[in-house]
Amino acid sequence: MRMYDGSLETLHGHNWQIRVTVGRSELDNIGVVMDFHELQRRVNAIVDPMHNVNLNDLPAFQSINPSAESVALVVGRALQFDAGVRLISVEVWETADCKAVYRP
């Protein structure tokens, strides 16, 4: 990651924790916002390619720093939902007390 002074952080890894929050103005015909298994499948399809790789090598991070903020942004922008469901937020934790939040 490029720092404010232009220097590069030493290559390191994270065990990210990601929380995606979705909503809708009215519950669907079975009384839910969306199927949580389907939400997990969609999130996994986006984040699985990020596991055990250098994020700088992925197309989504070619022009942005691979920060927690950028991971939240990339996940949030990549998620697609059926009509009526909207993304509320994507939270990405680097540690138990250090997180970034993307809200579209």
N, C-alpha and C. Protein backbone atom coordinates (compact mmCIF):
# COMPACT_ATOMS: atom_id res chain seq x y z
N MET A 1 0.84 -1.17 0.00
CA MET A 1 0.00 0.00 0.00
C MET A 1 0.89 1.23 0.00
N ARG A 2 0.53 2.20 -0.84
CA ARG A 2 1.27 3.45 -0.90
C ARG A 2 0.80 4.37 0.23
N MET A 3 1.76 4.90 0.97
CA MET A 3 1.47 5.77 2.10
C MET A 3 1.42 7.23 1.64
N TYR A 4 1.01 8.13 2.53
CA TYR A 4 0.88 9.55 2.19
C TYR A 4 2.19 10.15 1.68
N ASP A 5 3.32 9.69 2.22
CA ASP A 5 4.61 10.25 1.81
C ASP A 5 5.17 9.58 0.56
N GLY A 6 4.40 8.67 -0.05
CA GLY A 6 4.84 8.00 -1.26
C GLY A 6 5.56 6.68 -1.02
N SER A 7 5.91 6.41 0.22
CA SER A 7 6.58 5.15 0.54
C SER A 7 5.58 3.99 0.46
N LEU A 8 6.12 2.78 0.35
CA LEU A 8 5.28 1.60 0.28
C LEU A 8 5.36 0.82 1.57
N GLU A 9 4.20 0.37 2.05
CA GLU A 9 4.17 -0.50 3.23
C GLU A 9 4.80 -1.84 2.88
N THR A 10 5.39 -2.47 3.86
CA THR A 10 5.91 -3.82 3.67
C THR A 10 4.76 -4.76 3.34
N LEU A 11 5.00 -5.67 2.41
CA LEU A 11 3.98 -6.64 2.03
C LEU A 11 3.52 -7.42 3.27
N HIS A 12 2.21 -7.47 3.47
CA HIS A 12 1.65 -8.16 4.63
C HIS A 12 0.25 -8.64 4.29
N GLY A 13 -0.30 -9.46 5.14
CA GLY A 13 -1.63 -10.00 4.90
C GLY A 13 -2.61 -9.63 6.00
N HIS A 14 -3.87 -9.88 5.72
CA HIS A 14 -4.94 -9.63 6.69
C HIS A 14 -5.91 -10.80 6.65
N ASN A 15 -6.57 -11.04 7.75
CA ASN A 15 -7.71 -11.94 7.81
C ASN A 15 -8.94 -11.05 7.92
N TRP A 16 -9.36 -10.52 6.78
CA TRP A 16 -10.48 -9.59 6.75
C TRP A 16 -11.75 -10.23 7.30
N GLN A 17 -12.55 -9.42 7.94
CA GLN A 17 -13.93 -9.78 8.28
C GLN A 17 -14.79 -8.79 7.52
N ILE A 18 -15.80 -9.29 6.80
CA ILE A 18 -16.64 -8.42 5.98
C ILE A 18 -18.09 -8.61 6.38
N ARG A 19 -18.78 -7.48 6.56
CA ARG A 19 -20.22 -7.51 6.85
C ARG A 19 -20.92 -6.69 5.77
N VAL A 20 -21.91 -7.30 5.13
CA VAL A 20 -22.71 -6.62 4.12
C VAL A 20 -24.12 -6.48 4.68
N THR A 21 -24.64 -5.27 4.64
CA THR A 21 -26.00 -5.00 5.11
C THR A 21 -26.85 -4.58 3.93
N VAL A 22 -27.98 -5.25 3.77
CA VAL A 22 -28.92 -4.93 2.69
C VAL A 22 -30.26 -4.56 3.30
N GLY A 23 -31.08 -3.89 2.51
CA GLY A 23 -32.41 -3.51 2.99
C GLY A 23 -33.37 -3.35 1.83
N ARG A 24 -34.59 -3.14 2.17
CA ARG A 24 -35.63 -2.83 1.18
C ARG A 24 -36.77 -2.15 1.90
N SER A 25 -37.57 -1.43 1.18
CA SER A 25 -38.65 -0.67 1.82
C SER A 25 -39.77 -1.57 2.31
N GLU A 26 -39.99 -2.70 1.65
CA GLU A 26 -41.02 -3.65 2.07
C GLU A 26 -40.44 -5.06 1.97
N LEU A 27 -40.77 -5.92 2.90
CA LEU A 27 -40.31 -7.30 2.84
C LEU A 27 -40.93 -8.00 1.64
N ASP A 28 -40.26 -9.03 1.13
CA ASP A 28 -40.78 -9.75 -0.03
C ASP A 28 -41.95 -10.65 0.36
N ASN A 29 -42.39 -11.48 -0.58
CA ASN A 29 -43.59 -12.30 -0.35
C ASN A 29 -43.42 -13.38 0.71
N ILE A 30 -42.18 -13.69 1.13
CA ILE A 30 -42.00 -14.64 2.24
C ILE A 30 -41.52 -13.93 3.51
N GLY A 31 -41.52 -12.60 3.49
CA GLY A 31 -41.23 -11.83 4.69
C GLY A 31 -39.76 -11.59 4.99
N VAL A 32 -38.92 -11.55 3.95
CA VAL A 32 -37.49 -11.29 4.15
C VAL A 32 -37.02 -10.21 3.17
N VAL A 33 -35.83 -9.67 3.45
CA VAL A 33 -35.20 -8.74 2.52
C VAL A 33 -34.65 -9.52 1.33
N MET A 34 -33.86 -10.56 1.63
CA MET A 34 -33.38 -11.50 0.63
C MET A 34 -32.86 -12.74 1.34
N ASP A 35 -32.69 -13.80 0.61
CA ASP A 35 -32.16 -15.05 1.17
C ASP A 35 -30.71 -14.83 1.58
N PHE A 36 -30.38 -15.07 2.85
CA PHE A 36 -29.02 -14.86 3.34
C PHE A 36 -28.02 -15.79 2.67
N HIS A 37 -28.45 -16.98 2.29
CA HIS A 37 -27.54 -17.89 1.58
C HIS A 37 -27.16 -17.31 0.22
N GLU A 38 -28.13 -16.69 -0.44
CA GLU A 38 -27.85 -16.06 -1.73
C GLU A 38 -26.95 -14.84 -1.55
N LEU A 39 -27.18 -14.07 -0.50
CA LEU A 39 -26.30 -12.93 -0.22
C LEU A 39 -24.88 -13.41 0.02
N GLN A 40 -24.71 -14.47 0.81
CA GLN A 40 -23.38 -15.02 1.07
C GLN A 40 -22.72 -15.51 -0.21
N ARG A 41 -23.49 -16.15 -1.09
CA ARG A 41 -22.95 -16.63 -2.36
C ARG A 41 -22.43 -15.46 -3.19
N ARG A 42 -23.20 -14.38 -3.24
CA ARG A 42 -22.79 -13.21 -4.04
C ARG A 42 -21.55 -12.55 -3.46
N VAL A 43 -21.50 -12.42 -2.14
CA VAL A 43 -20.32 -11.83 -1.50
C VAL A 43 -19.10 -12.71 -1.73
N ASN A 44 -19.26 -14.02 -1.54
CA ASN A 44 -18.14 -14.94 -1.74
C ASN A 44 -17.61 -14.90 -3.17
N ALA A 45 -18.50 -14.75 -4.14
CA ALA A 45 -18.07 -14.69 -5.54
C ALA A 45 -17.14 -13.50 -5.77
N ILE A 46 -17.32 -12.44 -5.00
CA ILE A 46 -16.48 -11.24 -5.13
C ILE A 46 -15.20 -11.37 -4.32
N VAL A 47 -15.30 -11.87 -3.09
CA VAL A 47 -14.13 -11.86 -2.20
C VAL A 47 -13.25 -13.10 -2.33
N ASP A 48 -13.77 -14.22 -2.79
CA ASP A 48 -12.94 -15.42 -2.91
C ASP A 48 -11.69 -15.20 -3.76
N PRO A 49 -11.77 -14.47 -4.88
CA PRO A 49 -10.56 -14.22 -5.66
C PRO A 49 -9.53 -13.36 -4.92
N MET A 50 -9.90 -12.74 -3.82
CA MET A 50 -8.98 -11.90 -3.05
C MET A 50 -8.19 -12.70 -2.01
N HIS A 51 -8.56 -13.95 -1.80
CA HIS A 51 -7.92 -14.78 -0.77
C HIS A 51 -6.52 -15.20 -1.19
N ASN A 52 -5.58 -15.02 -0.29
CA ASN A 52 -4.21 -15.51 -0.46
C ASN A 52 -3.53 -15.03 -1.73
N VAL A 53 -3.83 -13.79 -2.13
CA VAL A 53 -3.16 -13.17 -3.27
C VAL A 53 -2.71 -11.78 -2.88
N ASN A 54 -1.84 -11.21 -3.68
CA ASN A 54 -1.45 -9.82 -3.52
C ASN A 54 -2.54 -8.98 -4.18
N LEU A 55 -3.29 -8.22 -3.41
CA LEU A 55 -4.40 -7.44 -3.97
C LEU A 55 -3.93 -6.50 -5.06
N ASN A 56 -2.69 -6.04 -5.00
CA ASN A 56 -2.17 -5.16 -6.04
C ASN A 56 -2.17 -5.82 -7.42
N ASP A 57 -2.20 -7.15 -7.47
CA ASP A 57 -2.19 -7.87 -8.74
C ASP A 57 -3.58 -8.03 -9.34
N LEU A 58 -4.62 -7.70 -8.61
CA LEU A 58 -5.99 -7.85 -9.11
C LEU A 58 -6.41 -6.61 -9.89
N PRO A 59 -7.18 -6.78 -10.97
CA PRO A 59 -7.61 -5.63 -11.77
C PRO A 59 -8.32 -4.54 -10.97
N ALA A 60 -9.12 -4.93 -9.99
CA ALA A 60 -9.87 -3.94 -9.21
C ALA A 60 -8.98 -3.00 -8.42
N PHE A 61 -7.73 -3.42 -8.17
CA PHE A 61 -6.82 -2.62 -7.34
C PHE A 61 -5.65 -2.05 -8.14
N GLN A 62 -5.75 -2.03 -9.46
CA GLN A 62 -4.66 -1.52 -10.28
C GLN A 62 -4.45 -0.03 -10.09
N SER A 63 -5.51 0.71 -9.81
CA SER A 63 -5.36 2.17 -9.70
C SER A 63 -5.70 2.70 -8.31
N ILE A 64 -5.97 1.80 -7.36
CA ILE A 64 -6.29 2.24 -6.00
C ILE A 64 -5.50 1.43 -4.99
N ASN A 65 -5.26 2.00 -3.83
CA ASN A 65 -4.58 1.30 -2.75
C ASN A 65 -5.43 0.14 -2.25
N PRO A 66 -4.83 -0.98 -1.90
CA PRO A 66 -5.59 -2.12 -1.38
C PRO A 66 -5.88 -1.98 0.11
N SER A 67 -6.50 -0.89 0.48
CA SER A 67 -6.84 -0.60 1.88
C SER A 67 -8.17 -1.26 2.24
N ALA A 68 -8.48 -1.28 3.52
CA ALA A 68 -9.79 -1.78 3.96
C ALA A 68 -10.89 -0.95 3.32
N GLU A 69 -10.66 0.36 3.20
CA GLU A 69 -11.65 1.24 2.58
C GLU A 69 -11.88 0.84 1.12
N SER A 70 -10.80 0.54 0.41
CA SER A 70 -10.92 0.16 -0.99
C SER A 70 -11.56 -1.21 -1.15
N VAL A 71 -11.25 -2.13 -0.26
CA VAL A 71 -11.90 -3.45 -0.31
C VAL A 71 -13.40 -3.27 -0.13
N ALA A 72 -13.82 -2.46 0.82
CA ALA A 72 -15.25 -2.20 1.03
C ALA A 72 -15.88 -1.58 -0.21
N LEU A 73 -15.19 -0.63 -0.82
CA LEU A 73 -15.68 0.02 -2.04
C LEU A 73 -15.81 -0.99 -3.18
N VAL A 74 -14.79 -1.80 -3.41
CA VAL A 74 -14.81 -2.78 -4.49
C VAL A 74 -15.94 -3.78 -4.29
N VAL A 75 -16.09 -4.29 -3.08
CA VAL A 75 -17.17 -5.24 -2.80
C VAL A 75 -18.52 -4.57 -3.01
N GLY A 76 -18.69 -3.38 -2.46
CA GLY A 76 -19.97 -2.68 -2.58
C GLY A 76 -20.37 -2.39 -4.01
N ARG A 77 -19.41 -1.95 -4.81
CA ARG A 77 -19.71 -1.63 -6.21
C ARG A 77 -19.95 -2.87 -7.06
N ALA A 78 -19.39 -3.99 -6.67
CA ALA A 78 -19.55 -5.22 -7.46
C ALA A 78 -20.85 -5.95 -7.15
N LEU A 79 -21.41 -5.73 -5.98
CA LEU A 79 -22.64 -6.44 -5.61
C LEU A 79 -23.81 -5.97 -6.46
N GLN A 80 -24.59 -6.92 -6.94
CA GLN A 80 -25.79 -6.66 -7.72
C GLN A 80 -26.97 -7.32 -7.02
N PHE A 81 -28.10 -6.63 -7.00
CA PHE A 81 -29.27 -7.16 -6.30
C PHE A 81 -30.50 -7.11 -7.19
N ASP A 82 -31.48 -7.93 -6.83
CA ASP A 82 -32.76 -7.92 -7.52
C ASP A 82 -33.50 -6.63 -7.19
N ALA A 83 -34.49 -6.32 -7.99
CA ALA A 83 -35.28 -5.10 -7.79
C ALA A 83 -35.81 -5.04 -6.37
N GLY A 84 -35.72 -3.87 -5.77
CA GLY A 84 -36.23 -3.66 -4.42
C GLY A 84 -35.19 -3.80 -3.34
N VAL A 85 -34.15 -4.60 -3.57
CA VAL A 85 -33.09 -4.79 -2.57
C VAL A 85 -32.01 -3.76 -2.83
N ARG A 86 -31.55 -3.11 -1.77
CA ARG A 86 -30.50 -2.11 -1.92
C ARG A 86 -29.39 -2.36 -0.91
N LEU A 87 -28.20 -1.98 -1.30
CA LEU A 87 -27.05 -2.09 -0.42
C LEU A 87 -27.09 -0.94 0.58
N ILE A 88 -27.00 -1.26 1.86
CA ILE A 88 -26.93 -0.25 2.92
C ILE A 88 -25.47 0.05 3.23
N SER A 89 -24.66 -0.99 3.44
CA SER A 89 -23.26 -0.77 3.76
C SER A 89 -22.44 -2.04 3.58
N VAL A 90 -21.13 -1.82 3.42
CA VAL A 90 -20.14 -2.89 3.46
C VAL A 90 -19.12 -2.47 4.50
N GLU A 91 -18.92 -3.31 5.52
CA GLU A 91 -17.94 -3.04 6.57
C GLU A 91 -16.81 -4.05 6.42
N VAL A 92 -15.58 -3.56 6.49
CA VAL A 92 -14.40 -4.42 6.39
C VAL A 92 -13.52 -4.17 7.60
N TRP A 93 -13.28 -5.23 8.38
CA TRP A 93 -12.40 -5.15 9.54
C TRP A 93 -11.03 -5.69 9.17
N GLU A 94 -9.98 -4.93 9.49
CA GLU A 94 -8.61 -5.43 9.42
C GLU A 94 -8.26 -6.14 10.72
N THR A 95 -8.73 -5.56 11.82
CA THR A 95 -8.55 -6.12 13.16
C THR A 95 -9.86 -5.95 13.90
N ALA A 96 -9.93 -6.46 15.12
CA ALA A 96 -11.17 -6.38 15.90
C ALA A 96 -11.60 -4.94 16.18
N ASP A 97 -10.66 -4.01 16.17
CA ASP A 97 -11.01 -2.62 16.48
C ASP A 97 -10.64 -1.64 15.38
N CYS A 98 -10.48 -2.13 14.15
CA CYS A 98 -10.10 -1.27 13.03
C CYS A 98 -10.92 -1.66 11.81
N LYS A 99 -11.90 -0.81 11.45
CA LYS A 99 -12.76 -1.14 10.31
C LYS A 99 -12.98 0.07 9.43
N ALA A 100 -13.39 -0.21 8.21
CA ALA A 100 -13.78 0.81 7.24
C ALA A 100 -15.19 0.48 6.77
N VAL A 101 -15.96 1.51 6.47
CA VAL A 101 -17.34 1.32 6.03
C VAL A 101 -17.56 2.05 4.71
N TYR A 102 -18.17 1.35 3.75
CA TYR A 102 -18.60 1.95 2.49
C TYR A 102 -20.11 1.99 2.50
N ARG A 103 -20.66 3.18 2.25
CA ARG A 103 -22.12 3.35 2.11
C ARG A 103 -22.37 4.04 0.79
N PRO A 104 -23.04 3.36 -0.13
CA PRO A 104 -23.27 3.98 -1.46
C PRO A 104 -24.21 5.18 -1.38
